[in-house]
């Protein structure tokens, strides 16, 4: 038999979503835009990167850096890079009007090769 759950008890722990942190990821754009029309591929890729950042960092507010935008659009609307290395930084929101207290900044990281590229926690220093 399965062990019984005690009702009324909740885990009291520290949520990692409320921390300010930075991580480096390699995003496989190729699998995320498979089957998309040629004239929509670059815009779709940026939306998928934004969705990836939202999922990984747990913040609904995502800002994309202009260098990342230029890197995705570098070869045109049709020929989007297969993979791209990005830096996801969860930061405090200084905008007092915003309902979210944290936002994610997505920046481009230029790399020579994508082989054996793990997800890395980056120090803010």
PDB file of N, CA and C in Angstrom:
ATOM      1  N   UNK A   1       0.818  -1.184   0.000  1.00  0.00           N
ATOM      2  CA  UNK A   1       0.000   0.000   0.000  1.00  0.00           C
ATOM      3  C   UNK A   1       0.865   1.251   0.000  1.00  0.00           C
ATOM      4  N   UNK A   2       0.286   2.297  -0.560  1.00  0.00           N
ATOM      5  CA  UNK A   2       0.985   3.569  -0.594  1.00  0.00           C
ATOM      6  C   UNK A   2       0.894   4.256   0.771  1.00  0.00           C
ATOM      7  N   UNK A   3       1.941   4.977   1.154  1.00  0.00           N
ATOM      8  CA  UNK A   3       1.880   5.674   2.439  1.00  0.00           C
ATOM      9  C   UNK A   3       0.856   6.800   2.395  1.00  0.00           C
ATOM     10  N   UNK A   4       0.199   6.992   3.519  1.00  0.00           N
ATOM     11  CA  UNK A   4      -0.833   8.014   3.587  1.00  0.00           C
ATOM     12  C   UNK A   4      -0.218   9.396   3.729  1.00  0.00           C
ATOM     13  N   UNK A   5      -0.855  10.344   3.079  1.00  0.00           N
ATOM     14  CA  UNK A   5      -0.397  11.722   3.182  1.00  0.00           C
ATOM     15  C   UNK A   5      -1.090  12.385   4.363  1.00  0.00           C
ATOM     16  N   UNK A   6      -0.333  13.126   5.108  1.00  0.00           N
ATOM     17  CA  UNK A   6      -0.902  13.853   6.228  1.00  0.00           C
ATOM     18  C   UNK A   6      -1.457  15.167   5.705  1.00  0.00           C
ATOM     19  N   UNK A   7      -2.737  15.370   5.914  1.00  0.00           N
ATOM     20  CA  UNK A   7      -3.357  16.588   5.408  1.00  0.00           C
ATOM     21  C   UNK A   7      -2.985  17.773   6.295  1.00  0.00           C
ATOM     22  N   UNK A   8      -2.913  18.915   5.695  1.00  0.00           N
ATOM     23  CA  UNK A   8      -2.615  20.120   6.446  1.00  0.00           C
ATOM     24  C   UNK A   8      -1.139  20.438   6.547  1.00  0.00           C
ATOM     25  N   UNK A   9      -0.255  19.498   6.202  1.00  0.00           N
ATOM     26  CA  UNK A   9       1.177  19.759   6.285  1.00  0.00           C
ATOM     27  C   UNK A   9       1.691  20.206   4.920  1.00  0.00           C
ATOM     28  N   UNK A  10       2.406  21.275   4.931  1.00  0.00           N
ATOM     29  CA  UNK A  10       3.017  21.769   3.701  1.00  0.00           C
ATOM     30  C   UNK A  10       4.507  21.890   3.928  1.00  0.00           C
ATOM     31  N   UNK A  11       5.257  21.703   2.856  1.00  0.00           N
ATOM     32  CA  UNK A  11       6.695  21.873   2.954  1.00  0.00           C
ATOM     33  C   UNK A  11       7.005  23.359   3.070  1.00  0.00           C
ATOM     34  N   UNK A  12       7.804  23.684   4.040  1.00  0.00           N
ATOM     35  CA  UNK A  12       8.236  25.068   4.198  1.00  0.00           C
ATOM     36  C   UNK A  12       9.680  25.134   3.759  1.00  0.00           C
ATOM     37  N   UNK A  13       9.877  25.589   2.548  1.00  0.00           N
ATOM     38  CA  UNK A  13      11.220  25.661   1.998  1.00  0.00           C
ATOM     39  C   UNK A  13      11.454  26.978   1.298  1.00  0.00           C
ATOM     40  N   UNK A  14      12.612  27.120   0.775  1.00  0.00           N
ATOM     41  CA  UNK A  14      13.008  28.323   0.062  1.00  0.00           C
ATOM     42  C   UNK A  14      12.753  28.116  -1.421  1.00  0.00           C
ATOM     43  N   UNK A  15      11.998  29.000  -2.031  1.00  0.00           N
ATOM     44  CA  UNK A  15      11.713  28.911  -3.457  1.00  0.00           C
ATOM     45  C   UNK A  15      12.858  29.509  -4.249  1.00  0.00           C
ATOM     46  N   UNK A  16      13.375  28.748  -5.206  1.00  0.00           N
ATOM     47  CA  UNK A  16      14.486  29.230  -6.029  1.00  0.00           C
ATOM     48  C   UNK A  16      14.027  30.244  -7.059  1.00  0.00           C
ATOM     49  N   UNK A  17      12.737  30.313  -7.316  1.00  0.00           N
ATOM     50  CA  UNK A  17      12.223  31.228  -8.332  1.00  0.00           C
ATOM     51  C   UNK A  17      12.374  32.681  -7.880  1.00  0.00           C
ATOM     52  N   UNK A  18      12.427  32.928  -6.576  1.00  0.00           N
ATOM     53  CA  UNK A  18      12.530  34.298  -6.083  1.00  0.00           C
ATOM     54  C   UNK A  18      13.966  34.804  -6.000  1.00  0.00           C
ATOM     55  N   UNK A  19      14.937  33.998  -6.385  1.00  0.00           N
ATOM     56  CA  UNK A  19      16.331  34.408  -6.329  1.00  0.00           C
ATOM     57  C   UNK A  19      16.756  35.098  -7.625  1.00  0.00           C
ATOM     58  N   UNK A  20      17.713  36.012  -7.488  1.00  0.00           N
ATOM     59  CA  UNK A  20      18.341  36.619  -8.659  1.00  0.00           C
ATOM     60  C   UNK A  20      19.490  35.708  -9.066  1.00  0.00           C
ATOM     61  N   UNK A  21      19.497  35.261 -10.318  1.00  0.00           N
ATOM     62  CA  UNK A  21      20.523  34.319 -10.763  1.00  0.00           C
ATOM     63  C   UNK A  21      20.762  34.457 -12.254  1.00  0.00           C
ATOM     64  N   UNK A  22      21.853  33.832 -12.731  1.00  0.00           N
ATOM     65  CA  UNK A  22      22.212  33.859 -14.143  1.00  0.00           C
ATOM     66  C   UNK A  22      22.660  32.469 -14.570  1.00  0.00           C
ATOM     67  N   UNK A  23      22.146  31.997 -15.705  1.00  0.00           N
ATOM     68  CA  UNK A  23      22.538  30.709 -16.249  1.00  0.00           C
ATOM     69  C   UNK A  23      22.753  30.829 -17.745  1.00  0.00           C
ATOM     70  N   UNK A  24      23.670  29.999 -18.249  1.00  0.00           N
ATOM     71  CA  UNK A  24      23.969  29.974 -19.676  1.00  0.00           C
ATOM     72  C   UNK A  24      23.389  28.701 -20.276  1.00  0.00           C
ATOM     73  N   UNK A  25      22.626  28.838 -21.357  1.00  0.00           N
ATOM     74  CA  UNK A  25      21.958  27.715 -22.001  1.00  0.00           C
ATOM     75  C   UNK A  25      22.281  27.686 -23.484  1.00  0.00           C
ATOM     76  N   UNK A  26      22.196  26.499 -24.070  1.00  0.00           N
ATOM     77  CA  UNK A  26      22.200  26.347 -25.518  1.00  0.00           C
ATOM     78  C   UNK A  26      20.786  25.987 -25.939  1.00  0.00           C
ATOM     79  N   UNK A  27      20.182  26.803 -26.767  1.00  0.00           N
ATOM     80  CA  UNK A  27      18.798  26.595 -27.196  1.00  0.00           C
ATOM     81  C   UNK A  27      18.816  26.000 -28.591  1.00  0.00           C
ATOM     82  N   UNK A  28      18.145  24.875 -28.766  1.00  0.00           N
ATOM     83  CA  UNK A  28      18.016  24.244 -30.075  1.00  0.00           C
ATOM     84  C   UNK A  28      16.807  24.858 -30.777  1.00  0.00           C
ATOM     85  N   UNK A  29      17.076  25.835 -31.627  1.00  0.00           N
ATOM     86  CA  UNK A  29      16.002  26.531 -32.339  1.00  0.00           C
ATOM     87  C   UNK A  29      15.425  25.644 -33.431  1.00  0.00           C
ATOM     88  N   UNK A  30      16.273  24.803 -34.018  1.00  0.00           N
ATOM     89  CA  UNK A  30      15.879  23.996 -35.166  1.00  0.00           C
ATOM     90  C   UNK A  30      14.650  23.135 -34.871  1.00  0.00           C
ATOM     91  N   UNK A  31      14.628  22.500 -33.704  1.00  0.00           N
ATOM     92  CA  UNK A  31      13.484  21.636 -33.381  1.00  0.00           C
ATOM     93  C   UNK A  31      12.249  22.441 -32.991  1.00  0.00           C
ATOM     94  N   UNK A  32      12.449  23.683 -32.565  1.00  0.00           N
ATOM     95  CA  UNK A  32      11.320  24.502 -32.131  1.00  0.00           C
ATOM     96  C   UNK A  32      10.605  25.189 -33.293  1.00  0.00           C
ATOM     97  N   UNK A  33      11.289  25.352 -34.433  1.00  0.00           N
ATOM     98  CA  UNK A  33      10.637  26.016 -35.577  1.00  0.00           C
ATOM     99  C   UNK A  33      10.452  25.059 -36.752  1.00  0.00           C
ATOM    100  N   UNK A  34      10.525  23.768 -36.495  1.00  0.00           N
ATOM    101  CA  UNK A  34      10.330  22.778 -37.555  1.00  0.00           C
ATOM    102  C   UNK A  34       8.913  22.903 -38.110  1.00  0.00           C
ATOM    103  N   UNK A  35       8.808  23.030 -39.415  1.00  0.00           N
ATOM    104  CA  UNK A  35       7.501  23.089 -40.060  1.00  0.00           C
ATOM    105  C   UNK A  35       6.902  24.478 -40.140  1.00  0.00           C
ATOM    106  N   UNK A  36       7.619  25.497 -39.702  1.00  0.00           N
ATOM    107  CA  UNK A  36       7.104  26.866 -39.745  1.00  0.00           C
ATOM    108  C   UNK A  36       7.382  27.456 -41.129  1.00  0.00           C
ATOM    109  N   UNK A  37       6.459  28.276 -41.625  1.00  0.00           N
ATOM    110  CA  UNK A  37       6.621  28.926 -42.926  1.00  0.00           C
ATOM    111  C   UNK A  37       7.927  29.707 -42.987  1.00  0.00           C
ATOM    112  N   UNK A  38       8.518  29.774 -44.169  1.00  0.00           N
ATOM    113  CA  UNK A  38       9.794  30.462 -44.330  1.00  0.00           C
ATOM    114  C   UNK A  38       9.714  31.937 -43.940  1.00  0.00           C
ATOM    115  N   UNK A  39       8.621  32.576 -44.238  1.00  0.00           N
ATOM    116  CA  UNK A  39       8.505  34.002 -43.968  1.00  0.00           C
ATOM    117  C   UNK A  39       8.168  34.311 -42.509  1.00  0.00           C
ATOM    118  N   UNK A  40       8.100  33.293 -41.669  1.00  0.00           N
ATOM    119  CA  UNK A  40       7.791  33.503 -40.254  1.00  0.00           C
ATOM    120  C   UNK A  40       8.847  32.908 -39.334  1.00  0.00           C
ATOM    121  N   UNK A  41       9.915  32.338 -39.888  1.00  0.00           N
ATOM    122  CA  UNK A  41      10.861  31.575 -39.077  1.00  0.00           C
ATOM    123  C   UNK A  41      11.618  32.413 -38.043  1.00  0.00           C
ATOM    124  N   UNK A  42      12.122  33.581 -38.402  1.00  0.00           N
ATOM    125  CA  UNK A  42      12.911  34.388 -37.466  1.00  0.00           C
ATOM    126  C   UNK A  42      12.040  34.920 -36.324  1.00  0.00           C
ATOM    127  N   UNK A  43      10.860  35.396 -36.644  1.00  0.00           N
ATOM    128  CA  UNK A  43       9.974  35.898 -35.592  1.00  0.00           C
ATOM    129  C   UNK A  43       9.518  34.766 -34.686  1.00  0.00           C
ATOM    130  N   UNK A  44       9.243  33.617 -35.262  1.00  0.00           N
ATOM    131  CA  UNK A  44       8.829  32.442 -34.491  1.00  0.00           C
ATOM    132  C   UNK A  44       9.974  31.999 -33.575  1.00  0.00           C
ATOM    133  N   UNK A  45      11.213  32.056 -34.078  1.00  0.00           N
ATOM    134  CA  UNK A  45      12.378  31.659 -33.281  1.00  0.00           C
ATOM    135  C   UNK A  45      12.524  32.556 -32.057  1.00  0.00           C
ATOM    136  N   UNK A  46      12.329  33.848 -32.221  1.00  0.00           N
ATOM    137  CA  UNK A  46      12.415  34.759 -31.079  1.00  0.00           C
ATOM    138  C   UNK A  46      11.316  34.490 -30.059  1.00  0.00           C
ATOM    139  N   UNK A  47      10.119  34.169 -30.541  1.00  0.00           N
ATOM    140  CA  UNK A  47       9.029  33.829 -29.619  1.00  0.00           C
ATOM    141  C   UNK A  47       9.333  32.544 -28.863  1.00  0.00           C
ATOM    142  N   UNK A  48       9.958  31.580 -29.543  1.00  0.00           N
ATOM    143  CA  UNK A  48      10.313  30.315 -28.899  1.00  0.00           C
ATOM    144  C   UNK A  48      11.436  30.500 -27.879  1.00  0.00           C
ATOM    145  N   UNK A  49      12.391  31.384 -28.165  1.00  0.00           N
ATOM    146  CA  UNK A  49      13.441  31.687 -27.199  1.00  0.00           C
ATOM    147  C   UNK A  49      12.828  32.352 -25.973  1.00  0.00           C
ATOM    148  N   UNK A  50      11.868  33.231 -26.201  1.00  0.00           N
ATOM    149  CA  UNK A  50      11.180  33.896 -25.104  1.00  0.00           C
ATOM    150  C   UNK A  50      10.391  32.893 -24.266  1.00  0.00           C
ATOM    151  N   UNK A  51       9.737  31.948 -24.928  1.00  0.00           N
ATOM    152  CA  UNK A  51       8.986  30.909 -24.224  1.00  0.00           C
ATOM    153  C   UNK A  51       9.918  30.004 -23.416  1.00  0.00           C
ATOM    154  N   UNK A  52      11.097  29.677 -23.993  1.00  0.00           N
ATOM    155  CA  UNK A  52      12.096  28.871 -23.306  1.00  0.00           C
ATOM    156  C   UNK A  52      12.587  29.579 -22.038  1.00  0.00           C
ATOM    157  N   UNK A  53      12.854  30.885 -22.154  1.00  0.00           N
ATOM    158  CA  UNK A  53      13.320  31.660 -21.005  1.00  0.00           C
ATOM    159  C   UNK A  53      12.253  31.733 -19.922  1.00  0.00           C
ATOM    160  N   UNK A  54      11.009  31.886 -20.333  1.00  0.00           N
ATOM    161  CA  UNK A  54       9.907  31.935 -19.381  1.00  0.00           C
ATOM    162  C   UNK A  54       9.778  30.619 -18.619  1.00  0.00           C
ATOM    163  N   UNK A  55       9.947  29.514 -19.323  1.00  0.00           N
ATOM    164  CA  UNK A  55       9.831  28.189 -18.719  1.00  0.00           C
ATOM    165  C   UNK A  55      11.003  27.901 -17.778  1.00  0.00           C
ATOM    166  N   UNK A  56      12.218  28.233 -18.191  1.00  0.00           N
ATOM    167  CA  UNK A  56      13.406  27.916 -17.395  1.00  0.00           C
ATOM    168  C   UNK A  56      13.538  28.799 -16.159  1.00  0.00           C
ATOM    169  N   UNK A  57      13.221  30.073 -16.299  1.00  0.00           N
ATOM    170  CA  UNK A  57      13.415  31.005 -15.191  1.00  0.00           C
ATOM    171  C   UNK A  57      12.158  31.234 -14.356  1.00  0.00           C
ATOM    172  N   UNK A  58      11.011  30.882 -14.875  1.00  0.00           N
ATOM    173  CA  UNK A  58       9.780  31.001 -14.100  1.00  0.00           C
ATOM    174  C   UNK A  58       9.270  32.423 -13.945  1.00  0.00           C
ATOM    175  N   UNK A  59       9.657  33.315 -14.849  1.00  0.00           N
ATOM    176  CA  UNK A  59       9.152  34.684 -14.804  1.00  0.00           C
ATOM    177  C   UNK A  59       8.374  34.970 -16.086  1.00  0.00           C
ATOM    178  N   UNK A  60       7.184  35.534 -15.969  1.00  0.00           N
ATOM    179  CA  UNK A  60       6.406  35.828 -17.180  1.00  0.00           C
ATOM    180  C   UNK A  60       6.928  37.032 -17.960  1.00  0.00           C
ATOM    181  N   UNK A  61       7.748  37.866 -17.320  1.00  0.00           N
ATOM    182  CA  UNK A  61       8.287  39.066 -17.951  1.00  0.00           C
ATOM    183  C   UNK A  61       9.675  38.756 -18.503  1.00  0.00           C
ATOM    184  N   UNK A  62       9.823  38.715 -19.848  1.00  0.00           N
ATOM    185  CA  UNK A  62      11.091  38.359 -20.491  1.00  0.00           C
ATOM    186  C   UNK A  62      11.501  39.489 -21.436  1.00  0.00           C
ATOM    187  N   UNK A  63      12.753  39.955 -21.294  1.00  0.00           N
ATOM    188  CA  UNK A  63      13.309  40.997 -22.161  1.00  0.00           C
ATOM    189  C   UNK A  63      14.389  40.366 -23.028  1.00  0.00           C
ATOM    190  N   UNK A  64      14.328  40.597 -24.348  1.00  0.00           N
ATOM    191  CA  UNK A  64      15.314  40.055 -25.283  1.00  0.00           C
ATOM    192  C   UNK A  64      16.263  41.174 -25.692  1.00  0.00           C
ATOM    193  N   UNK A  65      17.569  40.907 -25.573  1.00  0.00           N
ATOM    194  CA  UNK A  65      18.608  41.877 -25.895  1.00  0.00           C
ATOM    195  C   UNK A  65      18.675  42.098 -27.412  1.00  0.00           C
ATOM    196  N   UNK A  66      19.106  43.281 -27.825  1.00  0.00           N
ATOM    197  CA  UNK A  66      19.168  43.595 -29.254  1.00  0.00           C
ATOM    198  C   UNK A  66      20.230  42.754 -29.969  1.00  0.00           C
ATOM    199  N   UNK A  67      21.320  42.383 -29.269  1.00  0.00           N
ATOM    200  CA  UNK A  67      22.357  41.552 -29.899  1.00  0.00           C
ATOM    201  C   UNK A  67      21.823  40.161 -30.219  1.00  0.00           C
ATOM    202  N   UNK A  68      20.946  39.639 -29.351  1.00  0.00           N
ATOM    203  CA  UNK A  68      20.318  38.341 -29.626  1.00  0.00           C
ATOM    204  C   UNK A  68      19.391  38.458 -30.830  1.00  0.00           C
ATOM    205  N   UNK A  69      18.653  39.532 -30.895  1.00  0.00           N
ATOM    206  CA  UNK A  69      17.755  39.768 -32.021  1.00  0.00           C
ATOM    207  C   UNK A  69      18.539  39.837 -33.333  1.00  0.00           C
ATOM    208  N   UNK A  70      19.678  40.542 -33.313  1.00  0.00           N
ATOM    209  CA  UNK A  70      20.505  40.653 -34.516  1.00  0.00           C
ATOM    210  C   UNK A  70      21.138  39.319 -34.889  1.00  0.00           C
ATOM    211  N   UNK A  71      21.489  38.505 -33.884  1.00  0.00           N
ATOM    212  CA  UNK A  71      22.095  37.202 -34.158  1.00  0.00           C
ATOM    213  C   UNK A  71      21.080  36.254 -34.808  1.00  0.00           C
ATOM    214  N   UNK A  72      19.830  36.318 -34.384  1.00  0.00           N
ATOM    215  CA  UNK A  72      18.794  35.462 -34.975  1.00  0.00           C
ATOM    216  C   UNK A  72      18.483  35.919 -36.396  1.00  0.00           C
ATOM    217  N   UNK A  73      18.439  37.226 -36.615  1.00  0.00           N
ATOM    218  CA  UNK A  73      18.093  37.783 -37.918  1.00  0.00           C
ATOM    219  C   UNK A  73      19.291  37.935 -38.843  1.00  0.00           C
ATOM    220  N   UNK A  74      20.503  37.518 -38.425  1.00  0.00           N
ATOM    221  CA  UNK A  74      21.735  37.784 -39.185  1.00  0.00           C
ATOM    222  C   UNK A  74      21.706  37.219 -40.598  1.00  0.00           C
ATOM    223  N   UNK A  75      21.125  36.044 -40.779  1.00  0.00           N
ATOM    224  CA  UNK A  75      21.107  35.426 -42.111  1.00  0.00           C
ATOM    225  C   UNK A  75      19.751  35.567 -42.799  1.00  0.00           C
ATOM    226  N   UNK A  76      18.907  36.426 -42.263  1.00  0.00           N
ATOM    227  CA  UNK A  76      17.626  36.678 -42.901  1.00  0.00           C
ATOM    228  C   UNK A  76      16.479  36.016 -42.163  1.00  0.00           C
ATOM    229  N   UNK A  77      15.285  36.196 -42.712  1.00  0.00           N
ATOM    230  CA  UNK A  77      14.078  35.679 -42.071  1.00  0.00           C
ATOM    231  C   UNK A  77      13.962  34.164 -42.230  1.00  0.00           C
ATOM    232  N   UNK A  78      14.523  33.624 -43.314  1.00  0.00           N
ATOM    233  CA  UNK A  78      14.351  32.198 -43.604  1.00  0.00           C
ATOM    234  C   UNK A  78      15.407  31.326 -42.948  1.00  0.00           C
ATOM    235  N   UNK A  79      16.668  31.783 -42.957  1.00  0.00           N
ATOM    236  CA  UNK A  79      17.785  30.949 -42.542  1.00  0.00           C
ATOM    237  C   UNK A  79      18.186  31.275 -41.112  1.00  0.00           C
ATOM    238  N   UNK A  80      17.441  30.766 -40.167  1.00  0.00           N
ATOM    239  CA  UNK A  80      17.695  30.987 -38.749  1.00  0.00           C
ATOM    240  C   UNK A  80      18.753  29.980 -38.291  1.00  0.00           C
ATOM    241  N   UNK A  81      19.685  30.361 -37.392  1.00  0.00           N
ATOM    242  CA  UNK A  81      20.675  29.390 -36.906  1.00  0.00           C
ATOM    243  C   UNK A  81      20.010  28.212 -36.192  1.00  0.00           C
ATOM    244  N   UNK A  82      20.601  27.033 -36.329  1.00  0.00           N
ATOM    245  CA  UNK A  82      20.031  25.833 -35.724  1.00  0.00           C
ATOM    246  C   UNK A  82      20.070  25.889 -34.205  1.00  0.00           C
ATOM    247  N   UNK A  83      21.193  26.368 -33.664  1.00  0.00           N
ATOM    248  CA  UNK A  83      21.352  26.477 -32.218  1.00  0.00           C
ATOM    249  C   UNK A  83      21.888  27.854 -31.891  1.00  0.00           C
ATOM    250  N   UNK A  84      21.629  28.265 -30.665  1.00  0.00           N
ATOM    251  CA  UNK A  84      22.144  29.561 -30.222  1.00  0.00           C
ATOM    252  C   UNK A  84      22.401  29.470 -28.728  1.00  0.00           C
ATOM    253  N   UNK A  85      23.490  30.090 -28.295  1.00  0.00           N
ATOM    254  CA  UNK A  85      23.853  30.078 -26.884  1.00  0.00           C
ATOM    255  C   UNK A  85      23.378  31.389 -26.260  1.00  0.00           C
ATOM    256  N   UNK A  86      22.611  31.290 -25.167  1.00  0.00           N
ATOM    257  CA  UNK A  86      22.046  32.477 -24.531  1.00  0.00           C
ATOM    258  C   UNK A  86      22.375  32.486 -23.042  1.00  0.00           C
ATOM    259  N   UNK A  87      22.358  33.674 -22.478  1.00  0.00           N
ATOM    260  CA  UNK A  87      22.570  33.885 -21.055  1.00  0.00           C
ATOM    261  C   UNK A  87      21.254  34.383 -20.484  1.00  0.00           C
ATOM    262  N   UNK A  88      20.663  33.616 -19.569  1.00  0.00           N
ATOM    263  CA  UNK A  88      19.401  34.000 -18.945  1.00  0.00           C
ATOM    264  C   UNK A  88      19.701  34.572 -17.569  1.00  0.00           C
ATOM    265  N   UNK A  89      19.326  35.832 -17.356  1.00  0.00           N
ATOM    266  CA  UNK A  89      19.576  36.511 -16.081  1.00  0.00           C
ATOM    267  C   UNK A  89      18.241  36.904 -15.468  1.00  0.00           C
ATOM    268  N   UNK A  90      17.962  36.344 -14.294  1.00  0.00           N
ATOM    269  CA  UNK A  90      16.752  36.738 -13.564  1.00  0.00           C
ATOM    270  C   UNK A  90      17.127  37.928 -12.693  1.00  0.00           C
ATOM    271  N   UNK A  91      16.449  39.053 -12.895  1.00  0.00           N
ATOM    272  CA  UNK A  91      16.808  40.301 -12.214  1.00  0.00           C
ATOM    273  C   UNK A  91      15.591  40.907 -11.527  1.00  0.00           C
ATOM    274  N   UNK A  92      15.861  41.810 -10.578  1.00  0.00           N
ATOM    275  CA  UNK A  92      14.787  42.536  -9.893  1.00  0.00           C
ATOM    276  C   UNK A  92      14.257  43.626 -10.812  1.00  0.00           C
ATOM    277  N   UNK A  93      12.959  43.816 -10.774  1.00  0.00           N
ATOM    278  CA  UNK A  93      12.305  44.805 -11.618  1.00  0.00           C
ATOM    279  C   UNK A  93      12.260  46.143 -10.895  1.00  0.00           C
ATOM    280  N   UNK A  94      12.901  47.182 -11.459  1.00  0.00           N
ATOM    281  CA  UNK A  94      12.887  48.507 -10.843  1.00  0.00           C
ATOM    282  C   UNK A  94      11.610  49.273 -11.184  1.00  0.00           C
ATOM    283  N   UNK A  95      10.896  48.814 -12.212  1.00  0.00           N
ATOM    284  CA  UNK A  95       9.663  49.474 -12.619  1.00  0.00           C
ATOM    285  C   UNK A  95       8.588  49.208 -11.571  1.00  0.00           C
ATOM    286  N   UNK A  96       8.140  50.251 -10.905  1.00  0.00           N
ATOM    287  CA  UNK A  96       7.166  50.079  -9.828  1.00  0.00           C
ATOM    288  C   UNK A  96       5.767  49.771 -10.354  1.00  0.00           C
ATOM    289  N   UNK A  97       5.507  50.089 -11.628  1.00  0.00           N
ATOM    290  CA  UNK A  97       4.188  49.839 -12.207  1.00  0.00           C
ATOM    291  C   UNK A  97       3.994  48.365 -12.561  1.00  0.00           C
ATOM    292  N   UNK A  98       5.088  47.629 -12.703  1.00  0.00           N
ATOM    293  CA  UNK A  98       5.010  46.238 -13.150  1.00  0.00           C
ATOM    294  C   UNK A  98       4.423  45.338 -12.066  1.00  0.00           C
ATOM    295  N   UNK A  99       3.540  44.413 -12.438  1.00  0.00           N
ATOM    296  CA  UNK A  99       2.989  43.483 -11.446  1.00  0.00           C
ATOM    297  C   UNK A  99       3.993  42.405 -11.030  1.00  0.00           C
ATOM    298  N   UNK A 100       5.046  42.195 -11.842  1.00  0.00           N
ATOM    299  CA  UNK A 100       6.054  41.177 -11.538  1.00  0.00           C
ATOM    300  C   UNK A 100       7.244  41.831 -10.856  1.00  0.00           C
ATOM    301  N   UNK A 101       7.742  41.208  -9.801  1.00  0.00           N
ATOM    302  CA  UNK A 101       8.894  41.797  -9.119  1.00  0.00           C
ATOM    303  C   UNK A 101      10.216  41.348  -9.731  1.00  0.00           C
ATOM    304  N   UNK A 102      10.188  40.301 -10.572  1.00  0.00           N
ATOM    305  CA  UNK A 102      11.384  39.828 -11.259  1.00  0.00           C
ATOM    306  C   UNK A 102      11.134  39.774 -12.762  1.00  0.00           C
ATOM    307  N   UNK A 103      12.217  39.928 -13.536  1.00  0.00           N
ATOM    308  CA  UNK A 103      12.130  39.738 -14.976  1.00  0.00           C
ATOM    309  C   UNK A 103      13.358  38.986 -15.439  1.00  0.00           C
ATOM    310  N   UNK A 104      13.296  38.415 -16.649  1.00  0.00           N
ATOM    311  CA  UNK A 104      14.417  37.676 -17.216  1.00  0.00           C
ATOM    312  C   UNK A 104      14.976  38.442 -18.407  1.00  0.00           C
ATOM    313  N   UNK A 105      16.295  38.651 -18.395  1.00  0.00           N
ATOM    314  CA  UNK A 105      16.977  39.285 -19.513  1.00  0.00           C
ATOM    315  C   UNK A 105      17.710  38.204 -20.286  1.00  0.00           C
ATOM    316  N   UNK A 106      17.432  38.102 -21.593  1.00  0.00           N
ATOM    317  CA  UNK A 106      18.051  37.088 -22.449  1.00  0.00           C
ATOM    318  C   UNK A 106      19.080  37.780 -23.327  1.00  0.00           C
ATOM    319  N   UNK A 107      20.356  37.390 -23.187  1.00  0.00           N
ATOM    320  CA  UNK A 107      21.423  37.983 -23.979  1.00  0.00           C
ATOM    321  C   UNK A 107      22.129  36.908 -24.792  1.00  0.00           C
ATOM    322  N   UNK A 108      22.755  37.324 -25.863  1.00  0.00           N
ATOM    323  CA  UNK A 108      23.446  36.430 -26.788  1.00  0.00           C
ATOM    324  C   UNK A 108      24.868  36.170 -26.317  1.00  0.00           C
ATOM    325  N   UNK A 109      25.306  34.896 -26.411  1.00  0.00           N
ATOM    326  CA  UNK A 109      26.683  34.523 -26.091  1.00  0.00           C
ATOM    327  C   UNK A 109      27.299  33.910 -27.349  1.00  0.00           C
ATOM    328  N   UNK A 110      28.269  34.593 -27.973  1.00  0.00           N
ATOM    329  CA  UNK A 110      28.894  34.015 -29.169  1.00  0.00           C
ATOM    330  C   UNK A 110      29.819  32.855 -28.794  1.00  0.00           C
ATOM    331  N   UNK A 111      29.664  31.723 -29.469  1.00  0.00           N
ATOM    332  CA  UNK A 111      30.516  30.554 -29.243  1.00  0.00           C
ATOM    333  C   UNK A 111      31.014  30.045 -30.589  1.00  0.00           C
ATOM    334  N   UNK A 112      32.156  29.340 -30.560  1.00  0.00           N
ATOM    335  CA  UNK A 112      32.704  28.799 -31.800  1.00  0.00           C
ATOM    336  C   UNK A 112      32.085  27.444 -32.130  1.00  0.00           C
ATOM    337  N   UNK A 113      31.825  26.617 -31.110  1.00  0.00           N
ATOM    338  CA  UNK A 113      31.238  25.296 -31.332  1.00  0.00           C
ATOM    339  C   UNK A 113      30.227  24.994 -30.232  1.00  0.00           C
ATOM    340  N   UNK A 114      29.246  24.165 -30.570  1.00  0.00           N
ATOM    341  CA  UNK A 114      28.216  23.794 -29.613  1.00  0.00           C
ATOM    342  C   UNK A 114      28.454  22.413 -29.011  1.00  0.00           C
ATOM    343  N   UNK A 115      29.566  21.769 -29.366  1.00  0.00           N
ATOM    344  CA  UNK A 115      29.858  20.423 -28.862  1.00  0.00           C
ATOM    345  C   UNK A 115      30.177  20.473 -27.371  1.00  0.00           C
ATOM    346  N   UNK A 116      29.596  19.544 -26.626  1.00  0.00           N
ATOM    347  CA  UNK A 116      29.830  19.393 -25.180  1.00  0.00           C
ATOM    348  C   UNK A 116      29.654  20.722 -24.432  1.00  0.00           C
ATOM    349  N   UNK A 117      28.575  21.408 -24.711  1.00  0.00           N
ATOM    350  CA  UNK A 117      28.289  22.678 -24.088  1.00  0.00           C
ATOM    351  C   UNK A 117      27.221  22.477 -23.008  1.00  0.00           C
ATOM    352  N   UNK A 118      27.621  22.351 -21.740  1.00  0.00           N
ATOM    353  CA  UNK A 118      26.617  22.121 -20.679  1.00  0.00           C
ATOM    354  C   UNK A 118      25.949  23.424 -20.254  1.00  0.00           C
ATOM    355  N   UNK A 119      24.836  23.279 -19.515  1.00  0.00           N
ATOM    356  CA  UNK A 119      24.201  24.428 -18.890  1.00  0.00           C
ATOM    357  C   UNK A 119      25.056  24.839 -17.697  1.00  0.00           C
ATOM    358  N   UNK A 120      25.387  26.115 -17.620  1.00  0.00           N
ATOM    359  CA  UNK A 120      26.346  26.592 -16.622  1.00  0.00           C
ATOM    360  C   UNK A 120      25.704  27.671 -15.765  1.00  0.00           C
ATOM    361  N   UNK A 121      25.896  27.574 -14.445  1.00  0.00           N
ATOM    362  CA  UNK A 121      25.516  28.675 -13.547  1.00  0.00           C
ATOM    363  C   UNK A 121      26.631  29.704 -13.588  1.00  0.00           C
ATOM    364  N   UNK A 122      26.273  30.954 -13.802  1.00  0.00           N
ATOM    365  CA  UNK A 122      27.256  32.016 -13.949  1.00  0.00           C
ATOM    366  C   UNK A 122      27.147  32.927 -12.724  1.00  0.00           C
ATOM    367  N   UNK A 123      28.288  33.316 -12.173  1.00  0.00           N
ATOM    368  CA  UNK A 123      28.296  34.268 -11.048  1.00  0.00           C
ATOM    369  C   UNK A 123      28.018  35.664 -11.574  1.00  0.00           C
ATOM    370  N   UNK A 124      27.352  36.459 -10.764  1.00  0.00           N
ATOM    371  CA  UNK A 124      27.015  37.837 -11.134  1.00  0.00           C
ATOM    372  C   UNK A 124      28.230  38.750 -11.083  1.00  0.00           C
ATOM    373  N   UNK A 125      29.294  38.341 -10.428  1.00  0.00           N
ATOM    374  CA  UNK A 125      30.479  39.205 -10.235  1.00  0.00           C
ATOM    375  C   UNK A 125      31.219  39.424 -11.517  1.00  0.00           C
TER     376      UNK A 125
END
